[in-house]
Amino acid sequence: MTCGAASGRLLADLMEGYDSVLLSAILDIPQARRLPSRPFHDLSAQEEDWYEEKSRLNAFFSTNV
């Protein structure tokens, strides 16, 4: 039995009102949390800072060589 078939069977049991140990175990799994956008914003800001620093260093070394 595939995972999708087992999930479908459990969904059908839930809709029909049947209870089982496996269905209870699946329903007790906590829901996934949404990932906040802040870490992605911080990463892109760090990347922009890195490119600015790189361009400043390139300009410095190209004029002082």
PDB file of N, CA and C in Angstrom:
ATOM      1  N   MET A   1       0.843  -1.163   0.000  1.00  0.00           N
ATOM      2  CA  MET A   1       0.000   0.000   0.000  1.00  0.00           C
ATOM      3  C   MET A   1       0.897   1.237   0.000  1.00  0.00           C
ATOM      4  N   THR A   2       0.610   2.153  -0.875  1.00  0.00           N
ATOM      5  CA  THR A   2       1.410   3.375  -0.956  1.00  0.00           C
ATOM      6  C   THR A   2       0.981   4.362   0.121  1.00  0.00           C
ATOM      7  N   CYS A   3       1.835   5.340   0.344  1.00  0.00           N
ATOM      8  CA  CYS A   3       1.550   6.369   1.356  1.00  0.00           C
ATOM      9  C   CYS A   3       0.285   7.147   0.988  1.00  0.00           C
ATOM     10  N   GLY A   4       0.122   7.449  -0.290  1.00  0.00           N
ATOM     11  CA  GLY A   4      -1.060   8.182  -0.737  1.00  0.00           C
ATOM     12  C   GLY A   4      -2.334   7.385  -0.538  1.00  0.00           C
ATOM     13  N   ALA A   5      -2.264   6.079  -0.780  1.00  0.00           N
ATOM     14  CA  ALA A   5      -3.440   5.232  -0.590  1.00  0.00           C
ATOM     15  C   ALA A   5      -3.804   5.140   0.885  1.00  0.00           C
ATOM     16  N   ALA A   6      -2.790   5.032   1.740  1.00  0.00           N
ATOM     17  CA  ALA A   6      -3.038   4.962   3.182  1.00  0.00           C
ATOM     18  C   ALA A   6      -3.631   6.276   3.680  1.00  0.00           C
ATOM     19  N   SER A   7      -3.113   7.386   3.196  1.00  0.00           N
ATOM     20  CA  SER A   7      -3.640   8.694   3.597  1.00  0.00           C
ATOM     21  C   SER A   7      -5.070   8.867   3.120  1.00  0.00           C
ATOM     22  N   GLY A   8      -5.342   8.416   1.921  1.00  0.00           N
ATOM     23  CA  GLY A   8      -6.703   8.490   1.388  1.00  0.00           C
ATOM     24  C   GLY A   8      -7.671   7.647   2.197  1.00  0.00           C
ATOM     25  N   ARG A   9      -7.215   6.481   2.598  1.00  0.00           N
ATOM     26  CA  ARG A   9      -8.061   5.606   3.421  1.00  0.00           C
ATOM     27  C   ARG A   9      -8.348   6.266   4.775  1.00  0.00           C
ATOM     28  N   LEU A  10      -7.312   6.865   5.374  1.00  0.00           N
ATOM     29  CA  LEU A  10      -7.504   7.543   6.656  1.00  0.00           C
ATOM     30  C   LEU A  10      -8.422   8.753   6.514  1.00  0.00           C
ATOM     31  N   LEU A  11      -8.296   9.469   5.405  1.00  0.00           N
ATOM     32  CA  LEU A  11      -9.173  10.608   5.153  1.00  0.00           C
ATOM     33  C   LEU A  11     -10.624  10.153   5.020  1.00  0.00           C
ATOM     34  N   ALA A  12     -10.826   9.044   4.316  1.00  0.00           N
ATOM     35  CA  ALA A  12     -12.178   8.503   4.170  1.00  0.00           C
ATOM     36  C   ALA A  12     -12.730   8.071   5.525  1.00  0.00           C
ATOM     37  N   ASP A  13     -11.888   7.446   6.353  1.00  0.00           N
ATOM     38  CA  ASP A  13     -12.323   7.048   7.693  1.00  0.00           C
ATOM     39  C   ASP A  13     -12.709   8.266   8.524  1.00  0.00           C
ATOM     40  N   LEU A  14     -11.929   9.334   8.415  1.00  0.00           N
ATOM     41  CA  LEU A  14     -12.218  10.557   9.150  1.00  0.00           C
ATOM     42  C   LEU A  14     -13.544  11.157   8.696  1.00  0.00           C
ATOM     43  N   MET A  15     -13.779  11.168   7.384  1.00  0.00           N
ATOM     44  CA  MET A  15     -15.018  11.739   6.858  1.00  0.00           C
ATOM     45  C   MET A  15     -16.241  10.911   7.261  1.00  0.00           C
ATOM     46  N   GLU A  16     -16.049   9.609   7.380  1.00  0.00           N
ATOM     47  CA  GLU A  16     -17.174   8.731   7.760  1.00  0.00           C
ATOM     48  C   GLU A  16     -17.387   8.692   9.268  1.00  0.00           C
ATOM     49  N   GLY A  17     -16.435   9.250  10.024  1.00  0.00           N
ATOM     50  CA  GLY A  17     -16.589   9.259  11.475  1.00  0.00           C
ATOM     51  C   GLY A  17     -16.005   8.047  12.165  1.00  0.00           C
ATOM     52  N   TYR A  18     -15.276   7.205  11.414  1.00  0.00           N
ATOM     53  CA  TYR A  18     -14.641   6.048  12.027  1.00  0.00           C
ATOM     54  C   TYR A  18     -13.399   6.494  12.784  1.00  0.00           C
ATOM     55  N   ASP A  19     -13.085   5.768  13.856  1.00  0.00           N
ATOM     56  CA  ASP A  19     -11.905   6.097  14.645  1.00  0.00           C
ATOM     57  C   ASP A  19     -10.977   4.895  14.658  1.00  0.00           C
ATOM     58  N   SER A  20      -9.694   5.160  14.598  1.00  0.00           N
ATOM     59  CA  SER A  20      -8.708   4.092  14.683  1.00  0.00           C
ATOM     60  C   SER A  20      -7.460   4.643  15.366  1.00  0.00           C
ATOM     61  N   VAL A  21      -6.620   3.737  15.791  1.00  0.00           N
ATOM     62  CA  VAL A  21      -5.381   4.141  16.454  1.00  0.00           C
ATOM     63  C   VAL A  21      -4.500   4.916  15.479  1.00  0.00           C
ATOM     64  N   LEU A  22      -4.411   4.454  14.244  1.00  0.00           N
ATOM     65  CA  LEU A  22      -3.573   5.126  13.250  1.00  0.00           C
ATOM     66  C   LEU A  22      -4.117   6.513  12.920  1.00  0.00           C
ATOM     67  N   LEU A  23      -5.427   6.629  12.776  1.00  0.00           N
ATOM     68  CA  LEU A  23      -6.034   7.931  12.496  1.00  0.00           C
ATOM     69  C   LEU A  23      -5.788   8.892  13.657  1.00  0.00           C
ATOM     70  N   SER A  24      -5.915   8.417  14.873  1.00  0.00           N
ATOM     71  CA  SER A  24      -5.647   9.261  16.042  1.00  0.00           C
ATOM     72  C   SER A  24      -4.190   9.704  16.072  1.00  0.00           C
ATOM     73  N   ALA A  25      -3.280   8.796  15.706  1.00  0.00           N
ATOM     74  CA  ALA A  25      -1.855   9.138  15.690  1.00  0.00           C
ATOM     75  C   ALA A  25      -1.565  10.206  14.640  1.00  0.00           C
ATOM     76  N   ILE A  26      -2.189  10.087  13.484  1.00  0.00           N
ATOM     77  CA  ILE A  26      -1.981  11.072  12.415  1.00  0.00           C
ATOM     78  C   ILE A  26      -2.557  12.429  12.823  1.00  0.00           C
ATOM     79  N   LEU A  27      -3.720  12.433  13.455  1.00  0.00           N
ATOM     80  CA  LEU A  27      -4.340  13.693  13.863  1.00  0.00           C
ATOM     81  C   LEU A  27      -3.599  14.361  15.017  1.00  0.00           C
ATOM     82  N   ASP A  28      -2.823  13.582  15.783  1.00  0.00           N
ATOM     83  CA  ASP A  28      -2.056  14.144  16.900  1.00  0.00           C
ATOM     84  C   ASP A  28      -0.754  14.793  16.456  1.00  0.00           C
ATOM     85  N   ILE A  29      -0.358  14.622  15.198  1.00  0.00           N
ATOM     86  CA  ILE A  29       0.869  15.247  14.693  1.00  0.00           C
ATOM     87  C   ILE A  29       0.626  16.751  14.613  1.00  0.00           C
ATOM     88  N   PRO A  30       1.524  17.557  15.218  1.00  0.00           N
ATOM     89  CA  PRO A  30       1.299  19.016  15.169  1.00  0.00           C
ATOM     90  C   PRO A  30       1.404  19.544  13.741  1.00  0.00           C
ATOM     91  N   GLN A  31       0.643  20.588  13.474  1.00  0.00           N
ATOM     92  CA  GLN A  31       0.670  21.194  12.147  1.00  0.00           C
ATOM     93  C   GLN A  31       1.985  21.918  11.923  1.00  0.00           C
ATOM     94  N   ALA A  32       2.387  21.989  10.693  1.00  0.00           N
ATOM     95  CA  ALA A  32       3.613  22.701  10.341  1.00  0.00           C
ATOM     96  C   ALA A  32       3.412  24.194  10.554  1.00  0.00           C
ATOM     97  N   ARG A  33       4.458  24.855  10.991  1.00  0.00           N
ATOM     98  CA  ARG A  33       4.392  26.302  11.183  1.00  0.00           C
ATOM     99  C   ARG A  33       4.830  27.007   9.914  1.00  0.00           C
ATOM    100  N   ARG A  34       4.273  28.164   9.709  1.00  0.00           N
ATOM    101  CA  ARG A  34       4.680  28.975   8.560  1.00  0.00           C
ATOM    102  C   ARG A  34       6.035  29.589   8.854  1.00  0.00           C
ATOM    103  N   LEU A  35       6.894  29.587   7.874  1.00  0.00           N
ATOM    104  CA  LEU A  35       8.210  30.172   8.024  1.00  0.00           C
ATOM    105  C   LEU A  35       8.107  31.682   7.874  1.00  0.00           C
ATOM    106  N   PRO A  36       8.614  32.428   8.834  1.00  0.00           N
ATOM    107  CA  PRO A  36       8.525  33.882   8.718  1.00  0.00           C
ATOM    108  C   PRO A  36       9.396  34.402   7.581  1.00  0.00           C
ATOM    109  N   SER A  37       9.019  35.521   7.029  1.00  0.00           N
ATOM    110  CA  SER A  37       9.766  36.074   5.901  1.00  0.00           C
ATOM    111  C   SER A  37      11.046  36.756   6.359  1.00  0.00           C
ATOM    112  N   ARG A  38      11.171  37.042   7.632  1.00  0.00           N
ATOM    113  CA  ARG A  38      12.323  37.782   8.154  1.00  0.00           C
ATOM    114  C   ARG A  38      13.667  37.122   7.807  1.00  0.00           C
ATOM    115  N   PRO A  39      13.869  35.803   7.995  1.00  0.00           N
ATOM    116  CA  PRO A  39      15.181  35.239   7.656  1.00  0.00           C
ATOM    117  C   PRO A  39      15.556  35.452   6.189  1.00  0.00           C
ATOM    118  N   PHE A  40      14.579  35.369   5.293  1.00  0.00           N
ATOM    119  CA  PHE A  40      14.876  35.562   3.879  1.00  0.00           C
ATOM    120  C   PHE A  40      15.244  37.017   3.599  1.00  0.00           C
ATOM    121  N   HIS A  41      14.581  37.928   4.280  1.00  0.00           N
ATOM    122  CA  HIS A  41      14.898  39.340   4.130  1.00  0.00           C
ATOM    123  C   HIS A  41      16.321  39.599   4.617  1.00  0.00           C
ATOM    124  N   ASP A  42      16.681  39.027   5.762  1.00  0.00           N
ATOM    125  CA  ASP A  42      18.022  39.217   6.305  1.00  0.00           C
ATOM    126  C   ASP A  42      19.087  38.668   5.363  1.00  0.00           C
ATOM    127  N   LEU A  43      18.820  37.520   4.764  1.00  0.00           N
ATOM    128  CA  LEU A  43      19.795  36.935   3.839  1.00  0.00           C
ATOM    129  C   LEU A  43      19.992  37.822   2.625  1.00  0.00           C
ATOM    130  N   SER A  44      18.913  38.359   2.084  1.00  0.00           N
ATOM    131  CA  SER A  44      19.057  39.199   0.892  1.00  0.00           C
ATOM    132  C   SER A  44      19.759  40.507   1.252  1.00  0.00           C
ATOM    133  N   ALA A  45      19.519  41.025   2.450  1.00  0.00           N
ATOM    134  CA  ALA A  45      20.198  42.254   2.870  1.00  0.00           C
ATOM    135  C   ALA A  45      21.693  42.001   3.038  1.00  0.00           C
ATOM    136  N   GLN A  46      22.052  40.855   3.586  1.00  0.00           N
ATOM    137  CA  GLN A  46      23.466  40.510   3.739  1.00  0.00           C
ATOM    138  C   GLN A  46      24.129  40.353   2.377  1.00  0.00           C
ATOM    139  N   GLU A  47      23.406  39.764   1.433  1.00  0.00           N
ATOM    140  CA  GLU A  47      23.955  39.585   0.093  1.00  0.00           C
ATOM    141  C   GLU A  47      24.187  40.934  -0.578  1.00  0.00           C
ATOM    142  N   GLU A  48      23.255  41.868  -0.413  1.00  0.00           N
ATOM    143  CA  GLU A  48      23.435  43.207  -0.986  1.00  0.00           C
ATOM    144  C   GLU A  48      24.647  43.902  -0.362  1.00  0.00           C
ATOM    145  N   ASP A  49      24.797  43.779   0.955  1.00  0.00           N
ATOM    146  CA  ASP A  49      25.955  44.370   1.632  1.00  0.00           C
ATOM    147  C   ASP A  49      27.248  43.775   1.107  1.00  0.00           C
ATOM    148  N   TRP A  50      27.236  42.461   0.850  1.00  0.00           N
ATOM    149  CA  TRP A  50      28.435  41.796   0.357  1.00  0.00           C
ATOM    150  C   TRP A  50      28.806  42.328  -1.026  1.00  0.00           C
ATOM    151  N   TYR A  51      27.821  42.483  -1.894  1.00  0.00           N
ATOM    152  CA  TYR A  51      28.108  42.998  -3.239  1.00  0.00           C
ATOM    153  C   TYR A  51      28.611  44.436  -3.189  1.00  0.00           C
ATOM    154  N   GLU A  52      28.054  45.239  -2.292  1.00  0.00           N
ATOM    155  CA  GLU A  52      28.538  46.617  -2.153  1.00  0.00           C
ATOM    156  C   GLU A  52      29.984  46.632  -1.674  1.00  0.00           C
ATOM    157  N   GLU A  53      30.294  45.809  -0.698  1.00  0.00           N
ATOM    158  CA  GLU A  53      31.667  45.735  -0.180  1.00  0.00           C
ATOM    159  C   GLU A  53      32.619  45.233  -1.260  1.00  0.00           C
ATOM    160  N   LYS A  54      32.186  44.255  -2.020  1.00  0.00           N
ATOM    161  CA  LYS A  54      33.024  43.707  -3.089  1.00  0.00           C
ATOM    162  C   LYS A  54      33.304  44.775  -4.144  1.00  0.00           C
ATOM    163  N   SER A  55      32.287  45.541  -4.524  1.00  0.00           N
ATOM    164  CA  SER A  55      32.504  46.568  -5.540  1.00  0.00           C
ATOM    165  C   SER A  55      33.402  47.687  -5.005  1.00  0.00           C
ATOM    166  N   ARG A  56      33.281  48.020  -3.719  1.00  0.00           N
ATOM    167  CA  ARG A  56      34.168  49.015  -3.125  1.00  0.00           C
ATOM    168  C   ARG A  56      35.617  48.540  -3.117  1.00  0.00           C
ATOM    169  N   LEU A  57      35.817  47.274  -2.767  1.00  0.00           N
ATOM    170  CA  LEU A  57      37.178  46.725  -2.750  1.00  0.00           C
ATOM    171  C   LEU A  57      37.752  46.657  -4.160  1.00  0.00           C
ATOM    172  N   ASN A  58      36.935  46.257  -5.116  1.00  0.00           N
ATOM    173  CA  ASN A  58      37.418  46.199  -6.505  1.00  0.00           C
ATOM    174  C   ASN A  58      37.810  47.597  -6.987  1.00  0.00           C
ATOM    175  N   ALA A  59      37.007  48.595  -6.651  1.00  0.00           N
ATOM    176  CA  ALA A  59      37.329  49.961  -7.054  1.00  0.00           C
ATOM    177  C   ALA A  59      38.595  50.435  -6.363  1.00  0.00           C
ATOM    178  N   PHE A  60      38.772  50.107  -5.113  1.00  0.00           N
ATOM    179  CA  PHE A  60      39.960  50.510  -4.364  1.00  0.00           C
ATOM    180  C   PHE A  60      41.217  49.894  -4.955  1.00  0.00           C
ATOM    181  N   PHE A  61      41.160  48.570  -5.202  1.00  0.00           N
ATOM    182  CA  PHE A  61      42.348  47.892  -5.700  1.00  0.00           C
ATOM    183  C   PHE A  61      42.644  48.232  -7.159  1.00  0.00           C
ATOM    184  N   SER A  62      41.626  48.545  -7.937  1.00  0.00           N
ATOM    185  CA  SER A  62      41.883  48.880  -9.335  1.00  0.00           C
ATOM    186  C   SER A  62      42.519  50.265  -9.459  1.00  0.00           C
ATOM    187  N   THR A  63      42.258  51.167  -8.528  1.00  0.00           N
ATOM    188  CA  THR A  63      42.866  52.511  -8.593  1.00  0.00           C
ATOM    189  C   THR A  63      44.218  52.542  -7.897  1.00  0.00           C
ATOM    190  N   ASN A  64      44.487  51.618  -6.998  1.00  0.00           N
ATOM    191  CA  ASN A  64      45.736  51.638  -6.242  1.00  0.00           C
ATOM    192  C   ASN A  64      46.743  50.596  -6.718  1.00  0.00           C
ATOM    193  N   VAL A  65      46.553  50.035  -7.863  1.00  0.00           N
ATOM    194  CA  VAL A  65      47.506  49.034  -8.369  1.00  0.00           C
ATOM    195  C   VAL A  65      48.538  49.670  -9.232  1.00  0.00           C
TER     196      VAL A  65
END
